[in-house]
Amino acid sequence: MFTIEEDFHSWLMDQAAALRARDYESLDRDHLAEELELMGARERRELRSELKILLLHLLKLKFQPGLRHRQHSWRNSIVEAREQIGDILKDSPGIFQGKRDEVLADVYLRARDKAARESRLPRGTFPEACPWTFEQIIDPDFFPGVTKA
C-alpha cells in the first residue's frame, strides 16, 4: 500500500480497492476523510465560480446595453455557465447545504466588483444586492436588458 505522501494517485487506488474489499483496517481513515471533504470544497468552489461568471455576464447585459457587439459572447457565457451549474446541481443537489441565498448574495458582490472593474463603470452603477432570484438567473430564457426581436 502506498502512503498519500508517496504517490497520491496510487494511494487513492489503494483506498478504493480496500473499500471494495471491505478491508477497513487498511484504510487511511484520517486522510481519506480529509480528501472527501476537500472534494466537496472543490465542487463548491466550482459552483461559486460558475455563479460568478453567470452573474457577471448578466450584469454586463443589463448595464452595458450600448455594447451590442459583445452581447452574443456574453449570452454564450451565460448559457455555458447555466449548463455547468445545472450539471453540478444534478450531481449534488445538496451542495448549497441550505445556504443558497447566502451563497448567491456573496458571489453577487464579487461579480459586481468584477463588472465594475472590467466595464470601468462606477461600482454604484450596479445594484448593491443581487437584483434577481436564483430561479431567474438559471432560467434559460432570462437575459436582462435584452429585448426579444
N, C-alpha and C. Protein backbone atom coordinates (compact mmCIF):
# COMPACT_ATOMS: atom_id res chain seq x y z
N MET A 1 0.85 -1.19 0.00
CA MET A 1 0.00 0.00 0.00
C MET A 1 0.89 1.25 0.00
N PHE A 2 0.47 2.21 -0.80
CA PHE A 2 1.17 3.49 -0.87
C PHE A 2 0.64 4.43 0.21
N THR A 3 1.49 5.37 0.62
CA THR A 3 1.02 6.43 1.50
C THR A 3 0.63 7.62 0.63
N ILE A 4 -0.15 8.49 1.19
CA ILE A 4 -0.61 9.67 0.46
C ILE A 4 0.57 10.56 0.07
N GLU A 5 1.61 10.56 0.90
CA GLU A 5 2.78 11.39 0.62
C GLU A 5 3.64 10.81 -0.50
N GLU A 6 3.66 9.50 -0.65
CA GLU A 6 4.50 8.85 -1.67
C GLU A 6 3.94 9.03 -3.08
N ASP A 7 2.65 8.74 -3.22
CA ASP A 7 2.04 8.74 -4.56
C ASP A 7 0.54 8.88 -4.37
N PHE A 8 0.04 10.09 -4.57
CA PHE A 8 -1.36 10.38 -4.29
C PHE A 8 -2.29 9.48 -5.09
N HIS A 9 -2.06 9.37 -6.40
CA HIS A 9 -2.96 8.58 -7.24
C HIS A 9 -2.96 7.11 -6.83
N SER A 10 -1.79 6.55 -6.61
CA SER A 10 -1.72 5.15 -6.19
C SER A 10 -2.38 4.96 -4.82
N TRP A 11 -2.20 5.94 -3.94
CA TRP A 11 -2.86 5.89 -2.63
C TRP A 11 -4.38 5.85 -2.81
N LEU A 12 -4.90 6.71 -3.70
CA LEU A 12 -6.35 6.72 -3.95
C LEU A 12 -6.83 5.36 -4.44
N MET A 13 -6.11 4.77 -5.39
CA MET A 13 -6.50 3.47 -5.92
C MET A 13 -6.44 2.39 -4.84
N ASP A 14 -5.42 2.45 -3.98
CA ASP A 14 -5.33 1.52 -2.86
C ASP A 14 -6.52 1.68 -1.92
N GLN A 15 -6.89 2.91 -1.64
CA GLN A 15 -8.01 3.16 -0.74
C GLN A 15 -9.32 2.66 -1.34
N ALA A 16 -9.51 2.87 -2.64
CA ALA A 16 -10.71 2.39 -3.32
C ALA A 16 -10.76 0.86 -3.28
N ALA A 17 -9.63 0.22 -3.53
CA ALA A 17 -9.58 -1.24 -3.50
C ALA A 17 -9.88 -1.76 -2.10
N ALA A 18 -9.33 -1.11 -1.08
CA ALA A 18 -9.58 -1.53 0.30
C ALA A 18 -11.05 -1.38 0.66
N LEU A 19 -11.67 -0.30 0.22
CA LEU A 19 -13.10 -0.11 0.47
C LEU A 19 -13.92 -1.21 -0.19
N ARG A 20 -13.62 -1.48 -1.45
CA ARG A 20 -14.38 -2.51 -2.18
C ARG A 20 -14.21 -3.90 -1.53
N ALA A 21 -13.02 -4.15 -1.02
CA ALA A 21 -12.74 -5.44 -0.37
C ALA A 21 -13.22 -5.47 1.08
N ARG A 22 -13.77 -4.37 1.53
CA ARG A 22 -14.21 -4.23 2.92
C ARG A 22 -13.05 -4.47 3.90
N ASP A 23 -11.87 -4.05 3.47
CA ASP A 23 -10.66 -4.16 4.29
C ASP A 23 -10.50 -2.85 5.06
N TYR A 24 -11.36 -2.65 6.03
CA TYR A 24 -11.43 -1.37 6.73
C TYR A 24 -10.18 -1.07 7.56
N GLU A 25 -9.47 -2.10 7.97
CA GLU A 25 -8.26 -1.89 8.76
C GLU A 25 -7.15 -1.25 7.93
N SER A 26 -7.16 -1.48 6.62
CA SER A 26 -6.12 -0.92 5.74
C SER A 26 -6.40 0.52 5.33
N LEU A 27 -7.60 0.99 5.63
CA LEU A 27 -7.96 2.35 5.21
C LEU A 27 -7.18 3.40 5.99
N ASP A 28 -6.76 4.41 5.29
CA ASP A 28 -6.11 5.59 5.89
C ASP A 28 -7.25 6.57 6.19
N ARG A 29 -7.98 6.27 7.26
CA ARG A 29 -9.24 6.97 7.53
C ARG A 29 -9.11 8.48 7.66
N ASP A 30 -8.09 8.95 8.35
CA ASP A 30 -7.95 10.40 8.53
C ASP A 30 -7.72 11.11 7.20
N HIS A 31 -6.78 10.58 6.42
CA HIS A 31 -6.51 11.21 5.12
C HIS A 31 -7.69 11.03 4.16
N LEU A 32 -8.33 9.88 4.22
CA LEU A 32 -9.48 9.63 3.35
C LEU A 32 -10.61 10.61 3.66
N ALA A 33 -10.89 10.81 4.93
CA ALA A 33 -11.93 11.78 5.33
C ALA A 33 -11.56 13.18 4.87
N GLU A 34 -10.29 13.54 5.03
CA GLU A 34 -9.83 14.86 4.60
C GLU A 34 -9.99 15.04 3.09
N GLU A 35 -9.63 14.02 2.33
CA GLU A 35 -9.75 14.11 0.87
C GLU A 35 -11.20 14.21 0.44
N LEU A 36 -12.09 13.50 1.11
CA LEU A 36 -13.51 13.60 0.79
C LEU A 36 -14.03 15.01 1.06
N GLU A 37 -13.62 15.59 2.17
CA GLU A 37 -14.02 16.97 2.48
C GLU A 37 -13.46 17.94 1.45
N LEU A 38 -12.22 17.71 1.03
CA LEU A 38 -11.62 18.58 0.00
C LEU A 38 -12.35 18.46 -1.33
N MET A 39 -12.81 17.25 -1.66
CA MET A 39 -13.59 17.06 -2.89
C MET A 39 -14.86 17.91 -2.84
N GLY A 40 -15.53 17.89 -1.72
CA GLY A 40 -16.74 18.69 -1.57
C GLY A 40 -16.44 20.18 -1.67
N ALA A 41 -15.33 20.60 -1.07
CA ALA A 41 -14.95 22.01 -1.13
C ALA A 41 -14.62 22.43 -2.56
N ARG A 42 -13.94 21.56 -3.31
CA ARG A 42 -13.63 21.88 -4.72
C ARG A 42 -14.91 22.04 -5.53
N GLU A 43 -15.86 21.16 -5.29
CA GLU A 43 -17.12 21.25 -6.02
C GLU A 43 -17.87 22.54 -5.67
N ARG A 44 -17.83 22.93 -4.40
CA ARG A 44 -18.48 24.19 -4.01
C ARG A 44 -17.78 25.39 -4.64
N ARG A 45 -16.44 25.35 -4.71
CA ARG A 45 -15.70 26.44 -5.37
C ARG A 45 -16.04 26.51 -6.86
N GLU A 46 -16.16 25.35 -7.49
CA GLU A 46 -16.53 25.32 -8.91
C GLU A 46 -17.91 25.93 -9.11
N LEU A 47 -18.85 25.59 -8.25
CA LEU A 47 -20.19 26.16 -8.34
C LEU A 47 -20.14 27.67 -8.17
N ARG A 48 -19.41 28.14 -7.17
CA ARG A 48 -19.30 29.58 -6.92
C ARG A 48 -18.66 30.28 -8.12
N SER A 49 -17.67 29.66 -8.73
CA SER A 49 -17.01 30.24 -9.89
C SER A 49 -17.98 30.37 -11.07
N GLU A 50 -18.76 29.34 -11.31
CA GLU A 50 -19.74 29.38 -12.41
C GLU A 50 -20.83 30.41 -12.12
N LEU A 51 -21.26 30.50 -10.86
CA LEU A 51 -22.26 31.51 -10.49
C LEU A 51 -21.70 32.92 -10.71
N LYS A 52 -20.44 33.12 -10.40
CA LYS A 52 -19.82 34.43 -10.59
C LYS A 52 -19.77 34.80 -12.07
N ILE A 53 -19.38 33.86 -12.91
CA ILE A 53 -19.36 34.10 -14.36
C ILE A 53 -20.76 34.44 -14.84
N LEU A 54 -21.73 33.66 -14.40
CA LEU A 54 -23.12 33.89 -14.81
C LEU A 54 -23.59 35.28 -14.39
N LEU A 55 -23.39 35.63 -13.14
CA LEU A 55 -23.84 36.94 -12.65
C LEU A 55 -23.08 38.08 -13.33
N LEU A 56 -21.80 37.92 -13.55
CA LEU A 56 -21.00 38.94 -14.22
C LEU A 56 -21.58 39.26 -15.59
N HIS A 57 -21.88 38.23 -16.37
CA HIS A 57 -22.37 38.48 -17.72
C HIS A 57 -23.83 38.93 -17.74
N LEU A 58 -24.61 38.52 -16.75
CA LEU A 58 -25.96 39.07 -16.62
C LEU A 58 -25.90 40.56 -16.33
N LEU A 59 -24.97 40.95 -15.45
CA LEU A 59 -24.80 42.38 -15.15
C LEU A 59 -24.36 43.16 -16.38
N LYS A 60 -23.45 42.60 -17.14
CA LYS A 60 -22.98 43.28 -18.35
C LYS A 60 -24.12 43.45 -19.35
N LEU A 61 -24.93 42.42 -19.53
CA LEU A 61 -26.07 42.54 -20.44
C LEU A 61 -27.01 43.65 -19.99
N LYS A 62 -27.29 43.67 -18.71
CA LYS A 62 -28.25 44.63 -18.17
C LYS A 62 -27.72 46.06 -18.15
N PHE A 63 -26.46 46.24 -17.79
CA PHE A 63 -25.95 47.59 -17.54
C PHE A 63 -24.98 48.12 -18.58
N GLN A 64 -24.72 47.35 -19.62
CA GLN A 64 -23.90 47.83 -20.72
C GLN A 64 -24.61 47.58 -22.06
N PRO A 65 -25.83 48.07 -22.18
CA PRO A 65 -26.60 47.78 -23.40
C PRO A 65 -25.99 48.38 -24.66
N GLY A 66 -25.15 49.38 -24.51
CA GLY A 66 -24.54 50.01 -25.68
C GLY A 66 -23.50 49.14 -26.36
N LEU A 67 -23.06 48.09 -25.69
CA LEU A 67 -22.05 47.22 -26.28
C LEU A 67 -22.71 46.01 -26.94
N ARG A 68 -23.57 46.29 -27.89
CA ARG A 68 -24.32 45.22 -28.56
C ARG A 68 -23.40 44.18 -29.21
N HIS A 69 -22.25 44.62 -29.68
CA HIS A 69 -21.34 43.69 -30.35
C HIS A 69 -20.79 42.64 -29.39
N ARG A 70 -20.88 42.87 -28.08
CA ARG A 70 -20.39 41.91 -27.08
C ARG A 70 -21.50 41.00 -26.56
N GLN A 71 -22.75 41.35 -26.84
CA GLN A 71 -23.86 40.61 -26.25
C GLN A 71 -23.87 39.14 -26.64
N HIS A 72 -23.50 38.83 -27.86
CA HIS A 72 -23.50 37.43 -28.29
C HIS A 72 -22.53 36.61 -27.43
N SER A 73 -21.35 37.16 -27.21
CA SER A 73 -20.34 36.49 -26.39
C SER A 73 -20.83 36.34 -24.95
N TRP A 74 -21.43 37.38 -24.41
CA TRP A 74 -21.94 37.32 -23.03
C TRP A 74 -23.05 36.28 -22.92
N ARG A 75 -23.93 36.25 -23.91
CA ARG A 75 -25.03 35.27 -23.88
C ARG A 75 -24.47 33.85 -23.93
N ASN A 76 -23.46 33.64 -24.75
CA ASN A 76 -22.85 32.31 -24.81
C ASN A 76 -22.25 31.92 -23.46
N SER A 77 -21.59 32.87 -22.80
CA SER A 77 -21.03 32.60 -21.47
C SER A 77 -22.12 32.29 -20.46
N ILE A 78 -23.23 32.99 -20.57
CA ILE A 78 -24.37 32.77 -19.68
C ILE A 78 -24.92 31.36 -19.88
N VAL A 79 -25.12 30.98 -21.13
CA VAL A 79 -25.65 29.65 -21.43
C VAL A 79 -24.70 28.57 -20.90
N GLU A 80 -23.41 28.74 -21.15
CA GLU A 80 -22.42 27.76 -20.69
C GLU A 80 -22.41 27.67 -19.17
N ALA A 81 -22.43 28.80 -18.49
CA ALA A 81 -22.42 28.79 -17.02
C ALA A 81 -23.68 28.11 -16.48
N ARG A 82 -24.82 28.38 -17.10
CA ARG A 82 -26.06 27.73 -16.66
C ARG A 82 -25.97 26.22 -16.84
N GLU A 83 -25.39 25.78 -17.93
CA GLU A 83 -25.24 24.34 -18.14
C GLU A 83 -24.34 23.73 -17.07
N GLN A 84 -23.22 24.39 -16.78
CA GLN A 84 -22.30 23.88 -15.76
C GLN A 84 -22.97 23.84 -14.38
N ILE A 85 -23.69 24.90 -14.05
CA ILE A 85 -24.40 24.96 -12.76
C ILE A 85 -25.45 23.85 -12.71
N GLY A 86 -26.18 23.67 -13.80
CA GLY A 86 -27.18 22.61 -13.86
C GLY A 86 -26.57 21.23 -13.64
N ASP A 87 -25.41 20.99 -14.26
CA ASP A 87 -24.73 19.71 -14.08
C ASP A 87 -24.31 19.50 -12.63
N ILE A 88 -23.77 20.54 -12.02
CA ILE A 88 -23.34 20.44 -10.62
C ILE A 88 -24.54 20.16 -9.72
N LEU A 89 -25.64 20.88 -9.94
CA LEU A 89 -26.82 20.70 -9.10
C LEU A 89 -27.47 19.34 -9.32
N LYS A 90 -27.39 18.82 -10.54
CA LYS A 90 -27.94 17.49 -10.81
C LYS A 90 -27.14 16.43 -10.06
N ASP A 91 -25.81 16.56 -10.09
CA ASP A 91 -24.96 15.59 -9.41
C ASP A 91 -24.96 15.76 -7.89
N SER A 92 -25.13 16.98 -7.42
CA SER A 92 -25.03 17.28 -5.99
C SER A 92 -26.13 18.25 -5.56
N PRO A 93 -27.38 17.79 -5.52
CA PRO A 93 -28.48 18.70 -5.20
C PRO A 93 -28.38 19.35 -3.82
N GLY A 94 -27.62 18.77 -2.91
CA GLY A 94 -27.48 19.34 -1.56
C GLY A 94 -26.26 20.22 -1.40
N ILE A 95 -25.64 20.62 -2.49
CA ILE A 95 -24.37 21.34 -2.43
C ILE A 95 -24.45 22.67 -1.68
N PHE A 96 -25.60 23.31 -1.72
CA PHE A 96 -25.73 24.61 -1.04
C PHE A 96 -25.84 24.45 0.48
N GLN A 97 -26.11 23.25 0.95
CA GLN A 97 -26.22 22.97 2.38
C GLN A 97 -27.18 23.94 3.08
N GLY A 98 -28.29 24.24 2.41
CA GLY A 98 -29.29 25.14 2.98
C GLY A 98 -28.92 26.61 2.97
N LYS A 99 -27.85 26.96 2.25
CA LYS A 99 -27.37 28.35 2.26
C LYS A 99 -27.36 28.96 0.86
N ARG A 100 -28.29 28.56 0.02
CA ARG A 100 -28.30 29.04 -1.36
C ARG A 100 -28.35 30.56 -1.46
N ASP A 101 -29.25 31.19 -0.72
CA ASP A 101 -29.39 32.64 -0.81
C ASP A 101 -28.14 33.36 -0.30
N GLU A 102 -27.52 32.83 0.74
CA GLU A 102 -26.28 33.42 1.26
C GLU A 102 -25.16 33.31 0.23
N VAL A 103 -25.05 32.15 -0.40
CA VAL A 103 -24.02 31.95 -1.42
C VAL A 103 -24.26 32.90 -2.58
N LEU A 104 -25.50 33.01 -3.03
CA LEU A 104 -25.82 33.91 -4.14
C LEU A 104 -25.47 35.35 -3.79
N ALA A 105 -25.81 35.78 -2.59
CA ALA A 105 -25.51 37.16 -2.17
C ALA A 105 -24.01 37.41 -2.14
N ASP A 106 -23.25 36.47 -1.61
CA ASP A 106 -21.79 36.62 -1.54
C ASP A 106 -21.16 36.63 -2.93
N VAL A 107 -21.56 35.71 -3.76
CA VAL A 107 -20.99 35.63 -5.11
C VAL A 107 -21.38 36.86 -5.92
N TYR A 108 -22.59 37.35 -5.72
CA TYR A 108 -23.02 38.55 -6.44
C TYR A 108 -22.10 39.73 -6.16
N LEU A 109 -21.71 39.91 -4.90
CA LEU A 109 -20.83 41.04 -4.56
C LEU A 109 -19.50 40.95 -5.31
N ARG A 110 -18.99 39.75 -5.44
CA ARG A 110 -17.74 39.56 -6.20
C ARG A 110 -17.95 39.83 -7.69
N ALA A 111 -19.07 39.36 -8.21
CA ALA A 111 -19.38 39.60 -9.63
C ALA A 111 -19.59 41.09 -9.88
N ARG A 112 -20.22 41.76 -8.94
CA ARG A 112 -20.46 43.21 -9.06
C ARG A 112 -19.13 43.96 -9.10
N ASP A 113 -18.22 43.60 -8.21
CA ASP A 113 -16.89 44.24 -8.20
C ASP A 113 -16.16 44.01 -9.52
N LYS A 114 -16.23 42.78 -10.01
CA LYS A 114 -15.55 42.46 -11.26
C LYS A 114 -16.20 43.19 -12.43
N ALA A 115 -17.52 43.29 -12.43
CA ALA A 115 -18.21 44.01 -13.50
C ALA A 115 -17.79 45.48 -13.51
N ALA A 116 -17.66 46.07 -12.34
CA ALA A 116 -17.22 47.47 -12.26
C ALA A 116 -15.80 47.62 -12.78
N ARG A 117 -14.91 46.71 -12.38
CA ARG A 117 -13.52 46.78 -12.86
C ARG A 117 -13.43 46.61 -14.37
N GLU A 118 -14.10 45.59 -14.89
CA GLU A 118 -13.99 45.30 -16.31
C GLU A 118 -14.66 46.34 -17.19
N SER A 119 -15.76 46.89 -16.72
CA SER A 119 -16.50 47.87 -17.52
C SER A 119 -15.99 49.29 -17.33
N ARG A 120 -15.21 49.48 -16.25
CA ARG A 120 -14.74 50.81 -15.85
C ARG A 120 -15.91 51.75 -15.52
N LEU A 121 -17.04 51.16 -15.19
CA LEU A 121 -18.18 51.94 -14.73
C LEU A 121 -18.09 52.05 -13.21
N PRO A 122 -18.64 53.13 -12.64
CA PRO A 122 -18.64 53.24 -11.17
C PRO A 122 -19.36 52.04 -10.54
N ARG A 123 -18.84 51.59 -9.43
CA ARG A 123 -19.45 50.46 -8.73
C ARG A 123 -20.93 50.70 -8.45
N GLY A 124 -21.27 51.97 -8.18
CA GLY A 124 -22.65 52.32 -7.89
C GLY A 124 -23.59 52.14 -9.07
N THR A 125 -23.05 51.91 -10.25
CA THR A 125 -23.88 51.64 -11.43
C THR A 125 -24.68 50.36 -11.23
N PHE A 126 -24.09 49.44 -10.49
CA PHE A 126 -24.68 48.12 -10.30
C PHE A 126 -25.37 48.05 -8.94
N PRO A 127 -26.51 47.38 -8.85
CA PRO A 127 -27.22 47.29 -7.57
C PRO A 127 -26.35 46.71 -6.47
N GLU A 128 -26.57 47.18 -5.25
CA GLU A 128 -25.79 46.70 -4.11
C GLU A 128 -26.07 45.24 -3.80
N ALA A 129 -27.30 44.82 -4.00
CA ALA A 129 -27.67 43.42 -3.77
C ALA A 129 -28.13 42.81 -5.09
N CYS A 130 -28.06 41.53 -5.18
CA CYS A 130 -28.44 40.85 -6.41
C CYS A 130 -29.89 41.18 -6.77
N PRO A 131 -30.11 41.72 -7.96
CA PRO A 131 -31.46 42.12 -8.35
C PRO A 131 -32.34 40.97 -8.85
N TRP A 132 -31.77 39.78 -8.90
CA TRP A 132 -32.51 38.64 -9.44
C TRP A 132 -32.57 37.50 -8.45
N THR A 133 -33.59 36.69 -8.58
CA THR A 133 -33.69 35.48 -7.76
C THR A 133 -32.83 34.38 -8.38
N PHE A 134 -32.58 33.36 -7.61
CA PHE A 134 -31.82 32.22 -8.13
C PHE A 134 -32.57 31.60 -9.30
N GLU A 135 -33.88 31.50 -9.17
CA GLU A 135 -34.68 30.91 -10.23
C GLU A 135 -34.55 31.71 -11.53
N GLN A 136 -34.50 33.03 -11.41
CA GLN A 136 -34.32 33.86 -12.61
C GLN A 136 -32.97 33.62 -13.26
N ILE A 137 -31.92 33.62 -12.47
CA ILE A 137 -30.59 33.54 -13.09
C ILE A 137 -30.34 32.20 -13.77
N ILE A 138 -31.01 31.14 -13.33
CA ILE A 138 -30.80 29.86 -14.01
C ILE A 138 -31.86 29.58 -15.08
N ASP A 139 -32.82 30.47 -15.22
CA ASP A 139 -33.85 30.33 -16.26
C ASP A 139 -33.20 30.48 -17.63
N PRO A 140 -33.30 29.48 -18.50
CA PRO A 140 -32.63 29.55 -19.80
C PRO A 140 -33.13 30.67 -20.71
N ASP A 141 -34.27 31.24 -20.41
CA ASP A 141 -34.81 32.32 -21.24
C ASP A 141 -34.58 33.71 -20.64
N PHE A 142 -33.90 33.77 -19.51
CA PHE A 142 -33.72 35.06 -18.82
C PHE A 142 -32.42 35.71 -19.27
N PHE A 143 -32.57 36.85 -19.95
CA PHE A 143 -31.44 37.67 -20.39
C PHE A 143 -31.80 39.13 -20.15
N PRO A 144 -31.49 39.67 -18.96
CA PRO A 144 -31.91 41.04 -18.63
C PRO A 144 -31.28 42.06 -19.57
N GLY A 145 -32.08 43.05 -19.93
CA GLY A 145 -31.57 44.12 -20.78
C GLY A 145 -31.61 43.80 -22.25
N VAL A 146 -32.01 42.59 -22.59
CA VAL A 146 -32.08 42.19 -24.00
C VAL A 146 -33.55 42.04 -24.36
N THR A 147 -33.95 42.80 -25.35
CA THR A 147 -35.33 42.70 -25.81
C THR A 147 -35.43 41.63 -26.87
N LYS A 148 -36.50 40.87 -26.82
CA LYS A 148 -36.71 39.82 -27.81
C LYS A 148 -37.15 40.45 -29.12
N ALA A 149 -36.55 39.99 -30.18
CA ALA A 149 -36.88 40.54 -31.50
C ALA A 149 -38.11 39.91 -32.06
